[in-house]
N, C-alpha and C. Protein backbone atom coordinates (compact mmCIF):
# COMPACT_ATOMS: atom_id res chain seq x y z
N MET A 1 -3.15 -0.11 4.02
CA MET A 1 -2.50 -0.83 2.96
C MET A 1 -2.43 -2.30 3.37
N LYS A 2 -2.57 -3.19 2.41
CA LYS A 2 -2.56 -4.60 2.74
C LYS A 2 -1.17 -5.05 3.17
N LYS A 3 -1.15 -6.18 3.86
CA LYS A 3 0.12 -6.70 4.35
C LYS A 3 0.96 -7.23 3.19
N ILE A 4 2.25 -7.07 3.33
CA ILE A 4 3.19 -7.58 2.34
C ILE A 4 3.72 -8.89 2.89
N ASN A 5 3.41 -9.98 2.20
CA ASN A 5 3.76 -11.30 2.68
C ASN A 5 4.90 -11.96 1.93
N SER A 6 5.33 -11.33 0.85
CA SER A 6 6.39 -11.94 0.07
C SER A 6 7.15 -10.87 -0.70
N LEU A 7 8.26 -11.27 -1.26
CA LEU A 7 9.04 -10.35 -2.08
C LEU A 7 8.24 -9.92 -3.31
N SER A 8 7.48 -10.83 -3.88
CA SER A 8 6.68 -10.47 -5.07
C SER A 8 5.61 -9.44 -4.72
N ASP A 9 5.02 -9.51 -3.51
CA ASP A 9 4.07 -8.49 -3.08
C ASP A 9 4.75 -7.12 -2.99
N LEU A 10 5.95 -7.09 -2.45
CA LEU A 10 6.71 -5.85 -2.32
C LEU A 10 7.06 -5.28 -3.69
N ILE A 11 7.47 -6.13 -4.60
CA ILE A 11 7.82 -5.68 -5.95
C ILE A 11 6.59 -5.13 -6.66
N LYS A 12 5.43 -5.80 -6.52
CA LYS A 12 4.20 -5.32 -7.15
C LYS A 12 3.81 -3.96 -6.58
N LEU A 13 3.88 -3.79 -5.26
CA LEU A 13 3.56 -2.51 -4.65
C LEU A 13 4.48 -1.42 -5.16
N ARG A 14 5.76 -1.71 -5.26
CA ARG A 14 6.73 -0.73 -5.77
C ARG A 14 6.39 -0.34 -7.20
N GLU A 15 6.07 -1.33 -8.04
CA GLU A 15 5.71 -1.04 -9.43
C GLU A 15 4.44 -0.20 -9.52
N ASP A 16 3.45 -0.50 -8.68
CA ASP A 16 2.21 0.28 -8.67
C ASP A 16 2.49 1.72 -8.30
N LEU A 17 3.31 1.94 -7.29
CA LEU A 17 3.61 3.30 -6.85
C LEU A 17 4.41 4.07 -7.89
N ILE A 18 5.38 3.41 -8.50
CA ILE A 18 6.20 4.07 -9.52
C ILE A 18 5.35 4.42 -10.74
N SER A 19 4.46 3.53 -11.14
CA SER A 19 3.65 3.77 -12.33
C SER A 19 2.49 4.73 -12.09
N GLY A 20 2.25 5.07 -10.82
CA GLY A 20 1.17 5.99 -10.51
C GLY A 20 -0.17 5.31 -10.28
N ARG A 21 -0.21 3.98 -10.38
CA ARG A 21 -1.45 3.27 -10.09
C ARG A 21 -1.67 3.27 -8.59
N LYS A 22 -2.94 3.29 -8.20
CA LYS A 22 -3.28 3.27 -6.79
C LYS A 22 -3.15 1.84 -6.27
N PRO A 23 -2.61 1.66 -5.06
CA PRO A 23 -2.67 0.34 -4.44
C PRO A 23 -4.14 -0.06 -4.30
N SER A 24 -4.43 -1.33 -4.40
CA SER A 24 -5.81 -1.80 -4.49
C SER A 24 -6.69 -1.36 -3.34
N GLU A 25 -6.21 -1.29 -2.11
CA GLU A 25 -7.05 -0.88 -0.99
C GLU A 25 -7.50 0.56 -1.12
N ASN A 26 -6.67 1.40 -1.72
CA ASN A 26 -7.01 2.81 -1.83
C ASN A 26 -7.77 3.13 -3.11
N ALA A 27 -7.89 2.17 -3.99
CA ALA A 27 -8.61 2.40 -5.23
C ALA A 27 -10.10 2.55 -4.92
N ASP A 28 -10.80 3.29 -5.77
CA ASP A 28 -12.24 3.40 -5.60
C ASP A 28 -12.85 2.02 -5.74
N PRO A 29 -13.88 1.73 -4.93
CA PRO A 29 -14.50 0.40 -5.02
C PRO A 29 -15.11 0.16 -6.40
N VAL A 30 -14.99 -1.05 -6.88
CA VAL A 30 -15.60 -1.41 -8.16
C VAL A 30 -17.10 -1.60 -7.96
N SER A 31 -17.83 -1.60 -9.05
CA SER A 31 -19.28 -1.75 -8.99
C SER A 31 -19.68 -2.96 -8.13
N GLY A 32 -20.62 -2.74 -7.23
CA GLY A 32 -21.08 -3.81 -6.36
C GLY A 32 -20.20 -4.05 -5.16
N SER A 33 -19.25 -3.16 -4.92
CA SER A 33 -18.30 -3.33 -3.83
C SER A 33 -18.35 -2.12 -2.89
N VAL A 34 -17.74 -2.27 -1.74
CA VAL A 34 -17.70 -1.20 -0.75
C VAL A 34 -16.34 -1.19 -0.06
N ARG A 35 -15.92 0.01 0.39
CA ARG A 35 -14.70 0.12 1.19
C ARG A 35 -15.10 0.76 2.51
N ILE A 36 -14.71 0.11 3.61
CA ILE A 36 -15.01 0.62 4.94
C ILE A 36 -13.69 0.87 5.65
N ARG A 37 -13.47 2.11 6.03
CA ARG A 37 -12.28 2.46 6.80
C ARG A 37 -12.70 2.65 8.25
N VAL A 38 -12.13 1.85 9.12
CA VAL A 38 -12.41 1.97 10.55
C VAL A 38 -11.27 2.76 11.15
N HIS A 39 -11.58 3.91 11.74
CA HIS A 39 -10.56 4.81 12.26
C HIS A 39 -10.10 4.33 13.62
N MET A 40 -8.82 3.97 13.69
CA MET A 40 -8.28 3.32 14.88
C MET A 40 -7.14 4.11 15.49
N GLY A 41 -7.39 5.40 15.69
CA GLY A 41 -6.46 6.19 16.49
C GLY A 41 -6.64 5.78 17.94
N THR A 42 -5.93 6.42 18.83
CA THR A 42 -5.99 6.06 20.25
C THR A 42 -7.40 6.16 20.80
N SER A 43 -8.10 7.26 20.49
CA SER A 43 -9.46 7.42 21.02
C SER A 43 -10.42 6.42 20.39
N GLY A 44 -10.20 6.07 19.12
CA GLY A 44 -11.04 5.08 18.47
C GLY A 44 -10.89 3.70 19.09
N ILE A 45 -9.66 3.30 19.34
CA ILE A 45 -9.41 2.00 19.95
C ILE A 45 -10.01 1.96 21.35
N ALA A 46 -9.83 3.04 22.11
CA ALA A 46 -10.38 3.11 23.46
C ALA A 46 -11.90 3.05 23.46
N SER A 47 -12.53 3.48 22.37
CA SER A 47 -13.99 3.50 22.27
C SER A 47 -14.57 2.23 21.66
N GLY A 48 -13.72 1.30 21.24
CA GLY A 48 -14.22 0.03 20.71
C GLY A 48 -14.08 -0.16 19.22
N ALA A 49 -13.22 0.60 18.57
CA ALA A 49 -13.06 0.49 17.11
C ALA A 49 -12.56 -0.88 16.68
N SER A 50 -11.75 -1.50 17.49
CA SER A 50 -11.23 -2.83 17.14
C SER A 50 -12.37 -3.85 17.03
N GLU A 51 -13.29 -3.78 17.96
CA GLU A 51 -14.46 -4.67 17.94
C GLU A 51 -15.32 -4.39 16.70
N ILE A 52 -15.48 -3.12 16.36
CA ILE A 52 -16.27 -2.74 15.18
C ILE A 52 -15.58 -3.22 13.91
N PHE A 53 -14.24 -3.10 13.85
CA PHE A 53 -13.49 -3.59 12.70
C PHE A 53 -13.78 -5.08 12.48
N HIS A 54 -13.64 -5.88 13.53
CA HIS A 54 -13.87 -7.32 13.41
C HIS A 54 -15.33 -7.64 13.07
N PHE A 55 -16.25 -6.85 13.59
CA PHE A 55 -17.66 -7.04 13.27
C PHE A 55 -17.90 -6.86 11.77
N PHE A 56 -17.37 -5.78 11.19
CA PHE A 56 -17.55 -5.54 9.76
C PHE A 56 -16.90 -6.64 8.93
N VAL A 57 -15.70 -7.06 9.29
CA VAL A 57 -15.02 -8.12 8.54
C VAL A 57 -15.89 -9.38 8.51
N SER A 58 -16.36 -9.81 9.67
CA SER A 58 -17.14 -11.05 9.73
C SER A 58 -18.51 -10.90 9.08
N GLU A 59 -19.17 -9.75 9.27
CA GLU A 59 -20.51 -9.57 8.71
C GLU A 59 -20.52 -9.44 7.19
N LEU A 60 -19.52 -8.77 6.63
CA LEU A 60 -19.46 -8.68 5.17
C LEU A 60 -19.29 -10.08 4.57
N GLU A 61 -18.46 -10.87 5.21
CA GLU A 61 -18.25 -12.24 4.72
C GLU A 61 -19.53 -13.07 4.88
N LYS A 62 -20.18 -13.00 6.04
CA LYS A 62 -21.42 -13.76 6.28
C LYS A 62 -22.51 -13.39 5.30
N ARG A 63 -22.60 -12.10 4.98
CA ARG A 63 -23.68 -11.61 4.13
C ARG A 63 -23.30 -11.58 2.65
N ASN A 64 -22.11 -12.09 2.37
CA ASN A 64 -21.63 -12.19 0.99
C ASN A 64 -21.61 -10.82 0.29
N ILE A 65 -21.08 -9.82 1.01
CA ILE A 65 -20.95 -8.47 0.46
C ILE A 65 -19.49 -8.28 0.07
N GLN A 66 -19.26 -7.88 -1.19
CA GLN A 66 -17.90 -7.65 -1.67
C GLN A 66 -17.37 -6.33 -1.14
N GLY A 67 -16.18 -6.35 -0.55
CA GLY A 67 -15.61 -5.10 -0.08
C GLY A 67 -14.35 -5.30 0.73
N HIS A 68 -13.76 -4.18 1.13
CA HIS A 68 -12.55 -4.18 1.95
C HIS A 68 -12.85 -3.43 3.24
N VAL A 69 -12.40 -3.99 4.34
CA VAL A 69 -12.46 -3.30 5.62
C VAL A 69 -11.02 -2.99 5.99
N ILE A 70 -10.74 -1.71 6.21
CA ILE A 70 -9.36 -1.25 6.37
C ILE A 70 -9.22 -0.51 7.70
N LYS A 71 -8.12 -0.76 8.39
CA LYS A 71 -7.79 0.00 9.60
C LYS A 71 -7.04 1.25 9.17
N THR A 72 -7.46 2.40 9.69
CA THR A 72 -6.77 3.65 9.39
C THR A 72 -6.56 4.44 10.68
N GLY A 73 -5.87 5.54 10.55
CA GLY A 73 -5.60 6.39 11.71
C GLY A 73 -6.79 7.26 12.06
N ASP A 74 -6.55 8.18 12.95
CA ASP A 74 -7.59 9.05 13.49
C ASP A 74 -7.99 10.13 12.48
N LEU A 75 -9.29 10.42 12.41
CA LEU A 75 -9.79 11.50 11.56
C LEU A 75 -9.96 12.79 12.33
N GLY A 76 -9.87 12.73 13.64
CA GLY A 76 -10.04 13.93 14.45
C GLY A 76 -11.44 14.09 15.01
N TYR A 77 -12.26 13.08 14.92
CA TYR A 77 -13.61 13.13 15.46
C TYR A 77 -13.67 12.40 16.80
N SER A 78 -12.79 12.76 17.72
CA SER A 78 -12.70 12.05 18.99
C SER A 78 -14.02 12.04 19.75
N PHE A 79 -14.82 13.08 19.56
CA PHE A 79 -16.11 13.17 20.25
C PHE A 79 -17.11 12.13 19.76
N ALA A 80 -16.84 11.52 18.60
CA ALA A 80 -17.81 10.61 17.99
C ALA A 80 -17.23 9.23 17.73
N GLU A 81 -16.19 8.85 18.43
CA GLU A 81 -15.57 7.54 18.21
C GLU A 81 -16.46 6.43 18.74
N PRO A 82 -16.38 5.25 18.16
CA PRO A 82 -15.64 4.89 16.96
C PRO A 82 -16.30 5.46 15.70
N THR A 83 -15.45 5.88 14.77
CA THR A 83 -15.94 6.41 13.50
C THR A 83 -15.50 5.51 12.35
N ILE A 84 -16.32 5.49 11.32
CA ILE A 84 -15.99 4.73 10.12
C ILE A 84 -16.28 5.60 8.91
N GLU A 85 -15.59 5.32 7.81
CA GLU A 85 -15.85 5.98 6.54
C GLU A 85 -16.25 4.89 5.55
N VAL A 86 -17.42 5.04 4.97
CA VAL A 86 -17.94 4.04 4.04
C VAL A 86 -17.98 4.65 2.64
N THR A 87 -17.36 3.97 1.68
CA THR A 87 -17.40 4.42 0.29
C THR A 87 -18.03 3.31 -0.55
N ARG A 88 -19.21 3.61 -1.06
CA ARG A 88 -19.88 2.69 -1.98
C ARG A 88 -19.37 2.99 -3.38
N ALA A 89 -19.39 2.01 -4.25
CA ALA A 89 -18.93 2.20 -5.63
C ALA A 89 -19.72 3.34 -6.28
N GLY A 90 -18.97 4.30 -6.84
CA GLY A 90 -19.59 5.41 -7.54
C GLY A 90 -20.12 6.51 -6.64
N SER A 91 -19.87 6.44 -5.35
CA SER A 91 -20.38 7.44 -4.41
C SER A 91 -19.24 8.09 -3.63
N GLU A 92 -19.52 9.26 -3.08
CA GLU A 92 -18.56 9.94 -2.21
C GLU A 92 -18.53 9.22 -0.86
N PRO A 93 -17.41 9.31 -0.14
CA PRO A 93 -17.34 8.69 1.19
C PRO A 93 -18.31 9.35 2.17
N VAL A 94 -18.86 8.53 3.07
CA VAL A 94 -19.74 9.02 4.12
C VAL A 94 -19.13 8.58 5.45
N VAL A 95 -19.01 9.51 6.40
CA VAL A 95 -18.43 9.22 7.70
C VAL A 95 -19.56 9.06 8.72
N PHE A 96 -19.52 7.96 9.46
CA PHE A 96 -20.49 7.70 10.51
C PHE A 96 -19.78 7.73 11.85
N GLY A 97 -20.43 8.31 12.86
CA GLY A 97 -19.84 8.38 14.18
C GLY A 97 -20.64 7.59 15.20
N ASN A 98 -20.00 7.36 16.36
CA ASN A 98 -20.62 6.62 17.47
C ASN A 98 -21.14 5.26 17.00
N VAL A 99 -20.31 4.55 16.27
CA VAL A 99 -20.72 3.28 15.68
C VAL A 99 -20.52 2.15 16.70
N ASP A 100 -21.64 1.53 17.06
CA ASP A 100 -21.60 0.32 17.87
C ASP A 100 -22.08 -0.82 16.98
N LYS A 101 -22.20 -2.03 17.53
CA LYS A 101 -22.61 -3.16 16.68
C LYS A 101 -24.02 -2.97 16.11
N PHE A 102 -24.91 -2.37 16.89
CA PHE A 102 -26.27 -2.14 16.41
C PHE A 102 -26.25 -1.18 15.22
N ARG A 103 -25.53 -0.07 15.36
CA ARG A 103 -25.45 0.90 14.26
C ARG A 103 -24.70 0.30 13.07
N ALA A 104 -23.66 -0.48 13.32
CA ALA A 104 -22.91 -1.12 12.24
C ALA A 104 -23.82 -2.03 11.43
N ASP A 105 -24.67 -2.79 12.12
CA ASP A 105 -25.61 -3.67 11.44
C ASP A 105 -26.59 -2.85 10.59
N GLU A 106 -27.06 -1.73 11.15
CA GLU A 106 -27.97 -0.85 10.42
C GLU A 106 -27.28 -0.24 9.19
N ILE A 107 -26.02 0.13 9.32
CA ILE A 107 -25.27 0.69 8.19
C ILE A 107 -25.14 -0.34 7.08
N ILE A 108 -24.86 -1.58 7.45
CA ILE A 108 -24.75 -2.65 6.44
C ILE A 108 -26.08 -2.85 5.73
N GLU A 109 -27.14 -3.02 6.51
CA GLU A 109 -28.45 -3.34 5.92
C GLU A 109 -29.05 -2.18 5.12
N LYS A 110 -28.94 -0.97 5.64
CA LYS A 110 -29.61 0.15 4.97
C LYS A 110 -28.69 0.89 4.00
N TYR A 111 -27.50 1.30 4.46
CA TYR A 111 -26.66 2.13 3.60
C TYR A 111 -25.86 1.32 2.59
N ILE A 112 -25.15 0.31 3.06
CA ILE A 112 -24.29 -0.45 2.15
C ILE A 112 -25.11 -1.22 1.12
N LYS A 113 -26.17 -1.87 1.56
CA LYS A 113 -26.98 -2.65 0.63
C LYS A 113 -27.90 -1.80 -0.25
N ASN A 114 -28.49 -0.73 0.33
CA ASN A 114 -29.54 0.01 -0.38
C ASN A 114 -29.25 1.48 -0.63
N GLY A 115 -28.17 2.02 -0.09
CA GLY A 115 -27.84 3.42 -0.30
C GLY A 115 -28.69 4.37 0.52
N GLU A 116 -29.40 3.86 1.52
CA GLU A 116 -30.28 4.66 2.36
C GLU A 116 -29.50 5.15 3.58
N LEU A 117 -29.39 6.48 3.74
CA LEU A 117 -28.62 7.02 4.86
C LEU A 117 -29.29 6.70 6.19
N VAL A 118 -28.47 6.54 7.22
CA VAL A 118 -28.96 6.27 8.58
C VAL A 118 -28.41 7.34 9.51
N ASP A 119 -28.94 7.40 10.72
CA ASP A 119 -28.46 8.36 11.71
C ASP A 119 -26.98 8.18 11.98
N GLY A 120 -26.34 9.27 12.34
CA GLY A 120 -24.93 9.21 12.73
C GLY A 120 -23.96 9.72 11.70
N VAL A 121 -24.45 10.32 10.59
CA VAL A 121 -23.54 10.84 9.57
C VAL A 121 -22.86 12.09 10.10
N ILE A 122 -21.55 12.14 9.95
CA ILE A 122 -20.77 13.31 10.35
C ILE A 122 -20.37 14.05 9.08
N PRO A 123 -20.61 15.37 9.02
CA PRO A 123 -20.19 16.12 7.83
C PRO A 123 -18.67 16.03 7.65
N VAL A 124 -18.24 15.76 6.45
CA VAL A 124 -16.81 15.60 6.17
C VAL A 124 -16.17 16.98 6.08
N ASN A 125 -15.08 17.17 6.82
CA ASN A 125 -14.38 18.45 6.77
C ASN A 125 -12.94 18.27 6.28
N TYR A 126 -12.75 17.30 5.41
CA TYR A 126 -11.43 17.02 4.86
C TYR A 126 -11.58 16.56 3.42
N GLN A 127 -10.48 16.48 2.72
CA GLN A 127 -10.48 15.93 1.37
C GLN A 127 -9.66 14.66 1.37
N THR A 128 -10.12 13.65 0.66
CA THR A 128 -9.36 12.42 0.54
C THR A 128 -8.17 12.67 -0.37
N ILE A 129 -7.02 12.21 0.05
CA ILE A 129 -5.81 12.35 -0.75
C ILE A 129 -5.56 11.02 -1.44
N THR A 130 -5.43 11.03 -2.75
CA THR A 130 -5.17 9.81 -3.49
C THR A 130 -3.75 9.83 -4.02
N ILE A 131 -3.20 8.63 -4.12
CA ILE A 131 -1.84 8.52 -4.66
C ILE A 131 -1.87 7.83 -5.99
C-alpha cells in the first residue's frame, strides 16, 4: 500500500475502503501498465530482493514503462528467492523466481514489453485476495 503523507491521503484511503473500491496499488493495472510485487520476506531480503526492488523502480522509469513496483511479504517460495509477481494489464499474475539483475532485465524486455514468457516461472499455488 502506498505511503500516507497527509490527512487527506488517510481520509481518501478510508473512503476507498468503506466504499469497497480497491486502493490504487492493489487495483488491476490499466491498459499499458504493469504491477510488479517484489516479495521481501526475511529470505527474500537476505537473497537480494531489496536490490531487485530498486532495479525495477529505476529501470521502469528509465524505459518509460508505466507501472507500480510494490514491496510485499513472503509468498513461501524461499527456495527461489528473490521472487517477484508481475501482472500485466488484462493478464493473470506470473511469479518469477531466482530473480537477479540479469533476469530482471530479461523480464522487462521480453515479458513486460512483449508478453513473452522467460525462464524462471514458478507455478502459482495461491489465489490473490482482493479487497
